[in-house]
Amino acid sequence: MKKFIALTAIVAFLFSCNSGDRGELVGAKGKKWYPEKPYGMTLIPGGSFIMGKSDDDFVAVNDAPTKTVTVRSFYMDETEITNAEYRQFVNWVRDSTVRLRLAILADEVGATP
């Protein structure tokens, strides 16, 4: 009987691992999600480039052979910020972050507001 239960558990585990959704949106079959351009962001197009040593390998050690690297497209913010500006932002949102964490903790404990 124990062997049957163990075999059933293993088969159920293996069957559940093969969902085949590949991380796609599973709420609507056949629908893909195409995000709009985020506010204040710029699309950086993808491409390929050759990474490694150039032809200037005078010693001919070939310790870093060349290879082609492909980078996918991604979004980047249009404006730059400094570390000081980011630190100021963190100080501004610090209180709201702490309140959110306390609210989540109170909800888990079951305390009423």
PDB file of N, CA and C in Angstrom:
ATOM      1  N   MET A   1       0.822  -1.195   0.000  1.00  0.00           N
ATOM      2  CA  MET A   1       0.000   0.000   0.000  1.00  0.00           C
ATOM      3  C   MET A   1       0.866   1.259   0.000  1.00  0.00           C
ATOM      4  N   LYS A   2       1.975   1.237   0.776  1.00  0.00           N
ATOM      5  CA  LYS A   2       2.860   2.389   0.824  1.00  0.00           C
ATOM      6  C   LYS A   2       3.507   2.649  -0.530  1.00  0.00           C
ATOM      7  N   LYS A   3       3.834   1.569  -1.254  1.00  0.00           N
ATOM      8  CA  LYS A   3       4.430   1.724  -2.577  1.00  0.00           C
ATOM      9  C   LYS A   3       3.432   2.359  -3.544  1.00  0.00           C
ATOM     10  N   PHE A   4       2.183   1.992  -3.435  1.00  0.00           N
ATOM     11  CA  PHE A   4       1.153   2.558  -4.306  1.00  0.00           C
ATOM     12  C   PHE A   4       0.967   4.058  -4.044  1.00  0.00           C
ATOM     13  N   ILE A   5       0.961   4.442  -2.761  1.00  0.00           N
ATOM     14  CA  ILE A   5       0.817   5.856  -2.410  1.00  0.00           C
ATOM     15  C   ILE A   5       2.038   6.643  -2.881  1.00  0.00           C
ATOM     16  N   ALA A   6       3.237   6.087  -2.699  1.00  0.00           N
ATOM     17  CA  ALA A   6       4.453   6.765  -3.145  1.00  0.00           C
ATOM     18  C   ALA A   6       4.470   6.906  -4.660  1.00  0.00           C
ATOM     19  N   LEU A   7       4.078   5.858  -5.384  1.00  0.00           N
ATOM     20  CA  LEU A   7       4.027   5.918  -6.846  1.00  0.00           C
ATOM     21  C   LEU A   7       3.001   6.944  -7.315  1.00  0.00           C
ATOM     22  N   THR A   8       1.850   7.000  -6.655  1.00  0.00           N
ATOM     23  CA  THR A   8       0.825   7.980  -7.012  1.00  0.00           C
ATOM     24  C   THR A   8       1.317   9.400  -6.763  1.00  0.00           C
ATOM     25  N   ALA A   9       2.017   9.614  -5.654  1.00  0.00           N
ATOM     26  CA  ALA A   9       2.548  10.940  -5.354  1.00  0.00           C
ATOM     27  C   ALA A   9       3.600  11.364  -6.374  1.00  0.00           C
ATOM     28  N   ILE A  10       4.464  10.442  -6.772  1.00  0.00           N
ATOM     29  CA  ILE A  10       5.503  10.755  -7.761  1.00  0.00           C
ATOM     30  C   ILE A  10       4.882  11.074  -9.115  1.00  0.00           C
ATOM     31  N   VAL A  11       3.902  10.290  -9.532  1.00  0.00           N
ATOM     32  CA  VAL A  11       3.233  10.541 -10.820  1.00  0.00           C
ATOM     33  C   VAL A  11       2.503  11.888 -10.783  1.00  0.00           C
ATOM     34  N   ALA A  12       1.841  12.195  -9.686  1.00  0.00           N
ATOM     35  CA  ALA A  12       1.145  13.487  -9.570  1.00  0.00           C
ATOM     36  C   ALA A  12       2.137  14.640  -9.598  1.00  0.00           C
ATOM     37  N   PHE A  13       3.280  14.481  -8.941  1.00  0.00           N
ATOM     38  CA  PHE A  13       4.297  15.527  -8.942  1.00  0.00           C
ATOM     39  C   PHE A  13       4.845  15.750 -10.346  1.00  0.00           C
ATOM     40  N   LEU A  14       5.179  14.671 -11.051  1.00  0.00           N
ATOM     41  CA  LEU A  14       5.706  14.809 -12.410  1.00  0.00           C
ATOM     42  C   LEU A  14       4.671  15.399 -13.359  1.00  0.00           C
ATOM     43  N   PHE A  15       3.417  15.038 -13.192  1.00  0.00           N
ATOM     44  CA  PHE A  15       2.363  15.581 -14.049  1.00  0.00           C
ATOM     45  C   PHE A  15       2.158  17.067 -13.789  1.00  0.00           C
ATOM     46  N   SER A  16       2.278  17.495 -12.533  1.00  0.00           N
ATOM     47  CA  SER A  16       2.069  18.909 -12.210  1.00  0.00           C
ATOM     48  C   SER A  16       3.229  19.778 -12.667  1.00  0.00           C
ATOM     49  N   CYS A  17       4.411  19.220 -12.838  1.00  0.00           N
ATOM     50  CA  CYS A  17       5.567  20.008 -13.270  1.00  0.00           C
ATOM     51  C   CYS A  17       5.501  20.385 -14.742  1.00  0.00           C
ATOM     52  N   ASN A  18       4.727  19.696 -15.534  1.00  0.00           N
ATOM     53  CA  ASN A  18       4.678  19.929 -16.970  1.00  0.00           C
ATOM     54  C   ASN A  18       3.444  20.749 -17.322  1.00  0.00           C
ATOM     55  N   SER A  19       3.440  22.041 -16.943  1.00  0.00           N
ATOM     56  CA  SER A  19       2.276  22.869 -17.243  1.00  0.00           C
ATOM     57  C   SER A  19       2.322  23.388 -18.660  1.00  0.00           C
ATOM     58  N   GLY A  20       3.516  23.647 -19.214  1.00  0.00           N
ATOM     59  CA  GLY A  20       3.654  24.078 -20.593  1.00  0.00           C
ATOM     60  C   GLY A  20       3.262  25.526 -20.838  1.00  0.00           C
ATOM     61  N   ASP A  21       3.048  26.327 -19.795  1.00  0.00           N
ATOM     62  CA  ASP A  21       2.641  27.713 -20.029  1.00  0.00           C
ATOM     63  C   ASP A  21       3.826  28.627 -20.291  1.00  0.00           C
ATOM     64  N   ARG A  22       5.049  28.194 -20.004  1.00  0.00           N
ATOM     65  CA  ARG A  22       6.270  28.940 -20.269  1.00  0.00           C
ATOM     66  C   ARG A  22       6.242  30.346 -19.701  1.00  0.00           C
ATOM     67  N   GLY A  23       5.550  30.568 -18.623  1.00  0.00           N
ATOM     68  CA  GLY A  23       5.526  31.871 -17.985  1.00  0.00           C
ATOM     69  C   GLY A  23       4.620  32.871 -18.661  1.00  0.00           C
ATOM     70  N   GLU A  24       3.820  32.435 -19.613  1.00  0.00           N
ATOM     71  CA  GLU A  24       2.916  33.335 -20.315  1.00  0.00           C
ATOM     72  C   GLU A  24       1.720  33.658 -19.426  1.00  0.00           C
ATOM     73  N   LEU A  25       0.966  34.645 -19.844  1.00  0.00           N
ATOM     74  CA  LEU A  25      -0.262  34.997 -19.154  1.00  0.00           C
ATOM     75  C   LEU A  25      -1.243  33.846 -19.328  1.00  0.00           C
ATOM     76  N   VAL A  26      -1.716  33.268 -18.222  1.00  0.00           N
ATOM     77  CA  VAL A  26      -2.547  32.080 -18.318  1.00  0.00           C
ATOM     78  C   VAL A  26      -4.026  32.378 -18.123  1.00  0.00           C
ATOM     79  N   GLY A  27      -4.388  33.627 -17.889  1.00  0.00           N
ATOM     80  CA  GLY A  27      -5.788  33.952 -17.645  1.00  0.00           C
ATOM     81  C   GLY A  27      -6.653  33.853 -18.882  1.00  0.00           C
ATOM     82  N   ALA A  28      -6.106  34.167 -20.042  1.00  0.00           N
ATOM     83  CA  ALA A  28      -6.869  34.124 -21.282  1.00  0.00           C
ATOM     84  C   ALA A  28      -6.066  33.338 -22.302  1.00  0.00           C
ATOM     85  N   LYS A  29      -6.633  32.271 -22.809  1.00  0.00           N
ATOM     86  CA  LYS A  29      -5.923  31.418 -23.751  1.00  0.00           C
ATOM     87  C   LYS A  29      -5.679  32.146 -25.064  1.00  0.00           C
ATOM     88  N   GLY A  30      -4.475  32.025 -25.580  1.00  0.00           N
ATOM     89  CA  GLY A  30      -4.142  32.580 -26.871  1.00  0.00           C
ATOM     90  C   GLY A  30      -3.899  34.072 -26.889  1.00  0.00           C
ATOM     91  N   LYS A  31      -4.047  34.739 -25.771  1.00  0.00           N
ATOM     92  CA  LYS A  31      -3.841  36.181 -25.719  1.00  0.00           C
ATOM     93  C   LYS A  31      -2.431  36.470 -25.215  1.00  0.00           C
ATOM     94  N   LYS A  32      -1.744  37.356 -25.889  1.00  0.00           N
ATOM     95  CA  LYS A  32      -0.434  37.796 -25.445  1.00  0.00           C
ATOM     96  C   LYS A  32      -0.563  39.195 -24.876  1.00  0.00           C
ATOM     97  N   TRP A  33       0.308  39.526 -23.959  1.00  0.00           N
ATOM     98  CA  TRP A  33       0.282  40.836 -23.335  1.00  0.00           C
ATOM     99  C   TRP A  33       1.411  41.662 -23.904  1.00  0.00           C
ATOM    100  N   TYR A  34       1.059  42.788 -24.519  1.00  0.00           N
ATOM    101  CA  TYR A  34       2.041  43.703 -25.072  1.00  0.00           C
ATOM    102  C   TYR A  34       2.001  44.985 -24.253  1.00  0.00           C
ATOM    103  N   PRO A  35       3.018  45.202 -23.417  1.00  0.00           N
ATOM    104  CA  PRO A  35       2.982  46.389 -22.561  1.00  0.00           C
ATOM    105  C   PRO A  35       3.165  47.657 -23.379  1.00  0.00           C
ATOM    106  N   GLU A  36       2.537  48.721 -22.925  1.00  0.00           N
ATOM    107  CA  GLU A  36       2.730  50.007 -23.554  1.00  0.00           C
ATOM    108  C   GLU A  36       4.060  50.585 -23.085  1.00  0.00           C
ATOM    109  N   LYS A  37       4.481  51.658 -23.754  1.00  0.00           N
ATOM    110  CA  LYS A  37       5.723  52.300 -23.364  1.00  0.00           C
ATOM    111  C   LYS A  37       5.534  52.927 -21.990  1.00  0.00           C
ATOM    112  N   PRO A  38       6.366  52.561 -21.006  1.00  0.00           N
ATOM    113  CA  PRO A  38       6.238  53.154 -19.677  1.00  0.00           C
ATOM    114  C   PRO A  38       6.525  54.651 -19.719  1.00  0.00           C
ATOM    115  N   TYR A  39       5.864  55.398 -18.840  1.00  0.00           N
ATOM    116  CA  TYR A  39       6.005  56.837 -18.798  1.00  0.00           C
ATOM    117  C   TYR A  39       7.439  57.225 -18.453  1.00  0.00           C
ATOM    118  N   GLY A  40       8.023  58.096 -19.241  1.00  0.00           N
ATOM    119  CA  GLY A  40       9.363  58.588 -18.979  1.00  0.00           C
ATOM    120  C   GLY A  40      10.470  57.633 -19.362  1.00  0.00           C
ATOM    121  N   MET A  41      10.154  56.602 -20.119  1.00  0.00           N
ATOM    122  CA  MET A  41      11.152  55.599 -20.485  1.00  0.00           C
ATOM    123  C   MET A  41      11.412  55.654 -21.991  1.00  0.00           C
ATOM    124  N   THR A  42      12.583  55.212 -22.386  1.00  0.00           N
ATOM    125  CA  THR A  42      12.979  55.150 -23.783  1.00  0.00           C
ATOM    126  C   THR A  42      13.347  53.718 -24.125  1.00  0.00           C
ATOM    127  N   LEU A  43      12.907  53.264 -25.290  1.00  0.00           N
ATOM    128  CA  LEU A  43      13.225  51.908 -25.734  1.00  0.00           C
ATOM    129  C   LEU A  43      14.642  51.881 -26.288  1.00  0.00           C
ATOM    130  N   ILE A  44      15.459  51.005 -25.738  1.00  0.00           N
ATOM    131  CA  ILE A  44      16.814  50.787 -26.235  1.00  0.00           C
ATOM    132  C   ILE A  44      16.752  49.540 -27.110  1.00  0.00           C
ATOM    133  N   PRO A  45      17.009  49.682 -28.416  1.00  0.00           N
ATOM    134  CA  PRO A  45      16.880  48.509 -29.295  1.00  0.00           C
ATOM    135  C   PRO A  45      17.957  47.480 -29.019  1.00  0.00           C
ATOM    136  N   GLY A  46      17.598  46.227 -29.222  1.00  0.00           N
ATOM    137  CA  GLY A  46      18.545  45.142 -29.019  1.00  0.00           C
ATOM    138  C   GLY A  46      19.473  45.001 -30.211  1.00  0.00           C
ATOM    139  N   GLY A  47      20.451  44.173 -30.064  1.00  0.00           N
ATOM    140  CA  GLY A  47      21.398  43.938 -31.145  1.00  0.00           C
ATOM    141  C   GLY A  47      22.472  42.957 -30.725  1.00  0.00           C
ATOM    142  N   SER A  48      23.438  42.772 -31.598  1.00  0.00           N
ATOM    143  CA  SER A  48      24.545  41.856 -31.342  1.00  0.00           C
ATOM    144  C   SER A  48      25.861  42.594 -31.478  1.00  0.00           C
ATOM    145  N   PHE A  49      26.855  42.128 -30.748  1.00  0.00           N
ATOM    146  CA  PHE A  49      28.189  42.677 -30.878  1.00  0.00           C
ATOM    147  C   PHE A  49      29.194  41.585 -30.550  1.00  0.00           C
ATOM    148  N   ILE A  50      30.432  41.808 -30.984  1.00  0.00           N
ATOM    149  CA  ILE A  50      31.495  40.840 -30.747  1.00  0.00           C
ATOM    150  C   ILE A  50      32.270  41.280 -29.516  1.00  0.00           C
ATOM    151  N   MET A  51      32.364  40.372 -28.529  1.00  0.00           N
ATOM    152  CA  MET A  51      33.029  40.673 -27.277  1.00  0.00           C
ATOM    153  C   MET A  51      34.298  39.829 -27.173  1.00  0.00           C
ATOM    154  N   GLY A  52      35.364  40.423 -26.731  1.00  0.00           N
ATOM    155  CA  GLY A  52      36.624  39.713 -26.553  1.00  0.00           C
ATOM    156  C   GLY A  52      37.776  40.544 -27.057  1.00  0.00           C
ATOM    157  N   LYS A  53      38.932  39.922 -27.140  1.00  0.00           N
ATOM    158  CA  LYS A  53      40.118  40.639 -27.603  1.00  0.00           C
ATOM    159  C   LYS A  53      40.004  40.954 -29.081  1.00  0.00           C
ATOM    160  N   SER A  54      40.649  42.043 -29.453  1.00  0.00           N
ATOM    161  CA  SER A  54      40.652  42.426 -30.864  1.00  0.00           C
ATOM    162  C   SER A  54      41.875  41.835 -31.549  1.00  0.00           C
ATOM    163  N   ASP A  55      42.163  42.340 -32.726  1.00  0.00           N
ATOM    164  CA  ASP A  55      43.319  41.845 -33.477  1.00  0.00           C
ATOM    165  C   ASP A  55      44.643  42.314 -32.882  1.00  0.00           C
ATOM    166  N   ASP A  56      44.603  43.134 -31.837  1.00  0.00           N
ATOM    167  CA  ASP A  56      45.819  43.672 -31.250  1.00  0.00           C
ATOM    168  C   ASP A  56      46.425  42.736 -30.203  1.00  0.00           C
ATOM    169  N   ASP A  57      46.258  41.443 -30.366  1.00  0.00           N
ATOM    170  CA  ASP A  57      46.809  40.470 -29.433  1.00  0.00           C
ATOM    171  C   ASP A  57      48.266  40.213 -29.811  1.00  0.00           C
ATOM    172  N   PHE A  58      49.160  41.124 -29.381  1.00  0.00           N
ATOM    173  CA  PHE A  58      50.552  41.067 -29.796  1.00  0.00           C
ATOM    174  C   PHE A  58      51.271  39.846 -29.242  1.00  0.00           C
ATOM    175  N   VAL A  59      50.924  39.429 -28.053  1.00  0.00           N
ATOM    176  CA  VAL A  59      51.622  38.315 -27.423  1.00  0.00           C
ATOM    177  C   VAL A  59      51.085  36.980 -27.926  1.00  0.00           C
ATOM    178  N   ALA A  60      49.910  37.003 -28.529  1.00  0.00           N
ATOM    179  CA  ALA A  60      49.250  35.813 -29.086  1.00  0.00           C
ATOM    180  C   ALA A  60      48.957  34.781 -28.009  1.00  0.00           C
ATOM    181  N   VAL A  61      48.428  35.236 -26.872  1.00  0.00           N
ATOM    182  CA  VAL A  61      48.082  34.297 -25.812  1.00  0.00           C
ATOM    183  C   VAL A  61      46.686  33.720 -25.995  1.00  0.00           C
ATOM    184  N   ASN A  62      45.807  34.426 -26.676  1.00  0.00           N
ATOM    185  CA  ASN A  62      44.441  33.958 -26.944  1.00  0.00           C
ATOM    186  C   ASN A  62      43.728  33.505 -25.679  1.00  0.00           C
ATOM    187  N   ASP A  63      43.906  34.242 -24.588  1.00  0.00           N
ATOM    188  CA  ASP A  63      43.251  33.868 -23.339  1.00  0.00           C
ATOM    189  C   ASP A  63      41.808  34.353 -23.268  1.00  0.00           C
ATOM    190  N   ALA A  64      41.390  35.210 -24.172  1.00  0.00           N
ATOM    191  CA  ALA A  64      40.011  35.681 -24.201  1.00  0.00           C
ATOM    192  C   ALA A  64      39.500  35.609 -25.639  1.00  0.00           C
ATOM    193  N   PRO A  65      39.039  34.436 -26.059  1.00  0.00           N
ATOM    194  CA  PRO A  65      38.563  34.324 -27.435  1.00  0.00           C
ATOM    195  C   PRO A  65      37.316  35.183 -27.657  1.00  0.00           C
ATOM    196  N   THR A  66      37.133  35.610 -28.881  1.00  0.00           N
ATOM    197  CA  THR A  66      35.985  36.456 -29.199  1.00  0.00           C
ATOM    198  C   THR A  66      34.723  35.613 -29.280  1.00  0.00           C
ATOM    199  N   LYS A  67      33.594  36.238 -28.941  1.00  0.00           N
ATOM    200  CA  LYS A  67      32.297  35.574 -29.067  1.00  0.00           C
ATOM    201  C   LYS A  67      31.248  36.635 -29.347  1.00  0.00           C
ATOM    202  N   THR A  68      30.191  36.238 -30.001  1.00  0.00           N
ATOM    203  CA  THR A  68      29.107  37.147 -30.330  1.00  0.00           C
ATOM    204  C   THR A  68      28.089  37.129 -29.198  1.00  0.00           C
ATOM    205  N   VAL A  69      27.723  38.318 -28.716  1.00  0.00           N
ATOM    206  CA  VAL A  69      26.772  38.458 -27.622  1.00  0.00           C
ATOM    207  C   VAL A  69      25.547  39.196 -28.151  1.00  0.00           C
ATOM    208  N   THR A  70      24.367  38.710 -27.814  1.00  0.00           N
ATOM    209  CA  THR A  70      23.115  39.326 -28.235  1.00  0.00           C
ATOM    210  C   THR A  70      22.412  39.905 -27.017  1.00  0.00           C
ATOM    211  N   VAL A  71      21.947  41.152 -27.144  1.00  0.00           N
ATOM    212  CA  VAL A  71      21.239  41.833 -26.066  1.00  0.00           C
ATOM    213  C   VAL A  71      19.823  42.119 -26.546  1.00  0.00           C
ATOM    214  N   ARG A  72      18.831  41.776 -25.728  1.00  0.00           N
ATOM    215  CA  ARG A  72      17.433  42.037 -26.085  1.00  0.00           C
ATOM    216  C   ARG A  72      17.090  43.496 -25.859  1.00  0.00           C
ATOM    217  N   SER A  73      16.019  43.952 -26.471  1.00  0.00           N
ATOM    218  CA  SER A  73      15.561  45.332 -26.282  1.00  0.00           C
ATOM    219  C   SER A  73      15.093  45.525 -24.845  1.00  0.00           C
ATOM    220  N   PHE A  74      15.267  46.747 -24.324  1.00  0.00           N
ATOM    221  CA  PHE A  74      14.828  47.043 -22.963  1.00  0.00           C
ATOM    222  C   PHE A  74      14.528  48.529 -22.854  1.00  0.00           C
ATOM    223  N   TYR A  75      13.836  48.896 -21.775  1.00  0.00           N
ATOM    224  CA  TYR A  75      13.492  50.293 -21.520  1.00  0.00           C
ATOM    225  C   TYR A  75      14.444  50.879 -20.484  1.00  0.00           C
ATOM    226  N   MET A  76      14.816  52.152 -20.699  1.00  0.00           N
ATOM    227  CA  MET A  76      15.679  52.856 -19.765  1.00  0.00           C
ATOM    228  C   MET A  76      15.076  54.229 -19.512  1.00  0.00           C
ATOM    229  N   ASP A  77      15.251  54.722 -18.304  1.00  0.00           N
ATOM    230  CA  ASP A  77      14.714  56.025 -17.949  1.00  0.00           C
ATOM    231  C   ASP A  77      15.374  57.115 -18.789  1.00  0.00           C
ATOM    232  N   GLU A  78      14.596  58.121 -19.171  1.00  0.00           N
ATOM    233  CA  GLU A  78      15.119  59.193 -20.016  1.00  0.00           C
ATOM    234  C   GLU A  78      16.053  60.135 -19.261  1.00  0.00           C
ATOM    235  N   THR A  79      15.874  60.248 -17.951  1.00  0.00           N
ATOM    236  CA  THR A  79      16.681  61.186 -17.180  1.00  0.00           C
ATOM    237  C   THR A  79      17.618  60.424 -16.255  1.00  0.00           C
ATOM    238  N   GLU A  80      18.761  61.032 -16.010  1.00  0.00           N
ATOM    239  CA  GLU A  80      19.720  60.450 -15.084  1.00  0.00           C
ATOM    240  C   GLU A  80      19.466  61.004 -13.682  1.00  0.00           C
ATOM    241  N   ILE A  81      19.793  60.213 -12.681  1.00  0.00           N
ATOM    242  CA  ILE A  81      19.737  60.713 -11.311  1.00  0.00           C
ATOM    243  C   ILE A  81      21.053  60.379 -10.636  1.00  0.00           C
ATOM    244  N   THR A  82      21.393  61.159  -9.635  1.00  0.00           N
ATOM    245  CA  THR A  82      22.616  60.908  -8.883  1.00  0.00           C
ATOM    246  C   THR A  82      22.282  60.077  -7.650  1.00  0.00           C
ATOM    247  N   ASN A  83      23.312  59.600  -6.990  1.00  0.00           N
ATOM    248  CA  ASN A  83      23.098  58.850  -5.751  1.00  0.00           C
ATOM    249  C   ASN A  83      22.452  59.728  -4.690  1.00  0.00           C
ATOM    250  N   ALA A  84      22.813  61.013  -4.653  1.00  0.00           N
ATOM    251  CA  ALA A  84      22.227  61.929  -3.678  1.00  0.00           C
ATOM    252  C   ALA A  84      20.728  62.108  -3.941  1.00  0.00           C
ATOM    253  N   GLU A  85      20.333  62.212  -5.208  1.00  0.00           N
ATOM    254  CA  GLU A  85      18.907  62.347  -5.536  1.00  0.00           C
ATOM    255  C   GLU A  85      18.146  61.090  -5.149  1.00  0.00           C
ATOM    256  N   TYR A  86      18.740  59.906  -5.383  1.00  0.00           N
ATOM    257  CA  TYR A  86      18.076  58.663  -5.006  1.00  0.00           C
ATOM    258  C   TYR A  86      17.962  58.562  -3.485  1.00  0.00           C
ATOM    259  N   ARG A  87      18.996  58.971  -2.758  1.00  0.00           N
ATOM    260  CA  ARG A  87      18.951  58.953  -1.295  1.00  0.00           C
ATOM    261  C   ARG A  87      17.841  59.867  -0.784  1.00  0.00           C
ATOM    262  N   GLN A  88      17.667  61.032  -1.422  1.00  0.00           N
ATOM    263  CA  GLN A  88      16.596  61.950  -1.031  1.00  0.00           C
ATOM    264  C   GLN A  88      15.231  61.316  -1.282  1.00  0.00           C
ATOM    265  N   PHE A  89      15.080  60.618  -2.411  1.00  0.00           N
ATOM    266  CA  PHE A  89      13.825  59.919  -2.700  1.00  0.00           C
ATOM    267  C   PHE A  89      13.530  58.851  -1.656  1.00  0.00           C
ATOM    268  N   VAL A  90      14.556  58.084  -1.291  1.00  0.00           N
ATOM    269  CA  VAL A  90      14.369  57.037  -0.282  1.00  0.00           C
ATOM    270  C   VAL A  90      13.946  57.645   1.046  1.00  0.00           C
ATOM    271  N   ASN A  91      14.513  58.787   1.414  1.00  0.00           N
ATOM    272  CA  ASN A  91      14.118  59.446   2.661  1.00  0.00           C
ATOM    273  C   ASN A  91      12.670  59.925   2.597  1.00  0.00           C
ATOM    274  N   TRP A  92      12.212  60.355   1.434  1.00  0.00           N
ATOM    275  CA  TRP A  92      10.833  60.817   1.291  1.00  0.00           C
ATOM    276  C   TRP A  92       9.825  59.681   1.410  1.00  0.00           C
ATOM    277  N   VAL A  93      10.152  58.497   0.865  1.00  0.00           N
ATOM    278  CA  VAL A  93       9.191  57.388   0.883  1.00  0.00           C
ATOM    279  C   VAL A  93       9.404  56.439   2.054  1.00  0.00           C
ATOM    280  N   ARG A  94      10.365  56.723   2.914  1.00  0.00           N
ATOM    281  CA  ARG A  94      10.675  55.837   4.032  1.00  0.00           C
ATOM    282  C   ARG A  94       9.459  55.622   4.939  1.00  0.00           C
ATOM    283  N   ASP A  95       8.741  56.686   5.271  1.00  0.00           N
ATOM    284  CA  ASP A  95       7.596  56.562   6.167  1.00  0.00           C
ATOM    285  C   ASP A  95       6.495  55.704   5.558  1.00  0.00           C
ATOM    286  N   SER A  96       6.214  55.898   4.270  1.00  0.00           N
ATOM    287  CA  SER A  96       5.145  55.124   3.646  1.00  0.00           C
ATOM    288  C   SER A  96       5.532  53.654   3.544  1.00  0.00           C
ATOM    289  N   THR A  97       6.808  53.358   3.349  1.00  0.00           N
ATOM    290  CA  THR A  97       7.256  51.970   3.283  1.00  0.00           C
ATOM    291  C   THR A  97       7.102  51.294   4.639  1.00  0.00           C
ATOM    292  N   VAL A  98       7.464  51.986   5.697  1.00  0.00           N
ATOM    293  CA  VAL A  98       7.324  51.427   7.041  1.00  0.00           C
ATOM    294  C   VAL A  98       5.850  51.206   7.371  1.00  0.00           C
ATOM    295  N   ARG A  99       4.998  52.162   7.011  1.00  0.00           N
ATOM    296  CA  ARG A  99       3.556  51.996   7.272  1.00  0.00           C
ATOM    297  C   ARG A  99       3.002  50.788   6.530  1.00  0.00           C
ATOM    298  N   LEU A 100       3.441  50.597   5.300  1.00  0.00           N
ATOM    299  CA  LEU A 100       2.966  49.453   4.521  1.00  0.00           C
ATOM    300  C   LEU A 100       3.398  48.145   5.175  1.00  0.00           C
ATOM    301  N   ARG A 101       4.650  48.063   5.598  1.00  0.00           N
ATOM    302  CA  ARG A 101       5.122  46.839   6.256  1.00  0.00           C
ATOM    303  C   ARG A 101       4.377  46.583   7.560  1.00  0.00           C
ATOM    304  N   LEU A 102       4.114  47.633   8.331  1.00  0.00           N
ATOM    305  CA  LEU A 102       3.356  47.464   9.569  1.00  0.00           C
ATOM    306  C   LEU A 102       1.929  47.014   9.283  1.00  0.00           C
ATOM    307  N   ALA A 103       1.319  47.541   8.220  1.00  0.00           N
ATOM    308  CA  ALA A 103      -0.042  47.129   7.864  1.00  0.00           C
ATOM    309  C   ALA A 103      -0.082  45.665   7.453  1.00  0.00           C
ATOM    310  N   ILE A 104       0.918  45.220   6.708  1.00  0.00           N
ATOM    311  CA  ILE A 104       0.970  43.810   6.310  1.00  0.00           C
ATOM    312  C   ILE A 104       1.162  42.925   7.521  1.00  0.00           C
ATOM    313  N   LEU A 105       2.032  43.330   8.430  1.00  0.00           N
ATOM    314  CA  LEU A 105       2.262  42.559   9.647  1.00  0.00           C
ATOM    315  C   LEU A 105       1.000  42.498  10.500  1.00  0.00           C
ATOM    316  N   ALA A 106       0.290  43.615  10.617  1.00  0.00           N
ATOM    317  CA  ALA A 106      -0.943  43.628  11.402  1.00  0.00           C
ATOM    318  C   ALA A 106      -1.999  42.738  10.761  1.00  0.00           C
ATOM    319  N   ASP A 107      -2.035  42.694   9.444  1.00  0.00           N
ATOM    320  CA  ASP A 107      -3.005  41.841   8.757  1.00  0.00           C
ATOM    321  C   ASP A 107      -2.678  40.380   8.978  1.00  0.00           C
ATOM    322  N   GLU A 108      -1.394  40.032   8.981  1.00  0.00           N
ATOM    323  CA  GLU A 108      -1.000  38.635   9.206  1.00  0.00           C
ATOM    324  C   GLU A 108      -1.316  38.205  10.628  1.00  0.00           C
ATOM    325  N   VAL A 109      -1.100  39.093  11.575  1.00  0.00           N
ATOM    326  CA  VAL A 109      -1.359  38.766  12.988  1.00  0.00           C
ATOM    327  C   VAL A 109      -2.856  38.713  13.262  1.00  0.00           C
ATOM    328  N   GLY A 110      -3.627  39.494  12.490  1.00  0.00           N
ATOM    329  CA  GLY A 110      -5.058  39.521  12.675  1.00  0.00           C
ATOM    330  C   GLY A 110      -5.532  40.712  13.493  1.00  0.00           C
ATOM    331  N   ALA A 111      -4.664  41.677  13.668  1.00  0.00           N
ATOM    332  CA  ALA A 111      -5.040  42.866  14.439  1.00  0.00           C
ATOM    333  C   ALA A 111      -5.959  43.754  13.596  1.00  0.00           C
ATOM    334  N   THR A 112      -6.873  44.403  14.242  1.00  0.00           N
ATOM    335  CA  THR A 112      -7.783  45.301  13.540  1.00  0.00           C
ATOM    336  C   THR A 112      -7.233  46.720  13.612  1.00  0.00           C
ATOM    337  N   PRO A 113      -7.484  47.525  12.587  1.00  0.00           N
ATOM    338  CA  PRO A 113      -6.940  48.893  12.596  1.00  0.00           C
ATOM    339  C   PRO A 113      -7.610  49.775  13.630  1.00  0.00           C
TER     340      PRO A 113
END
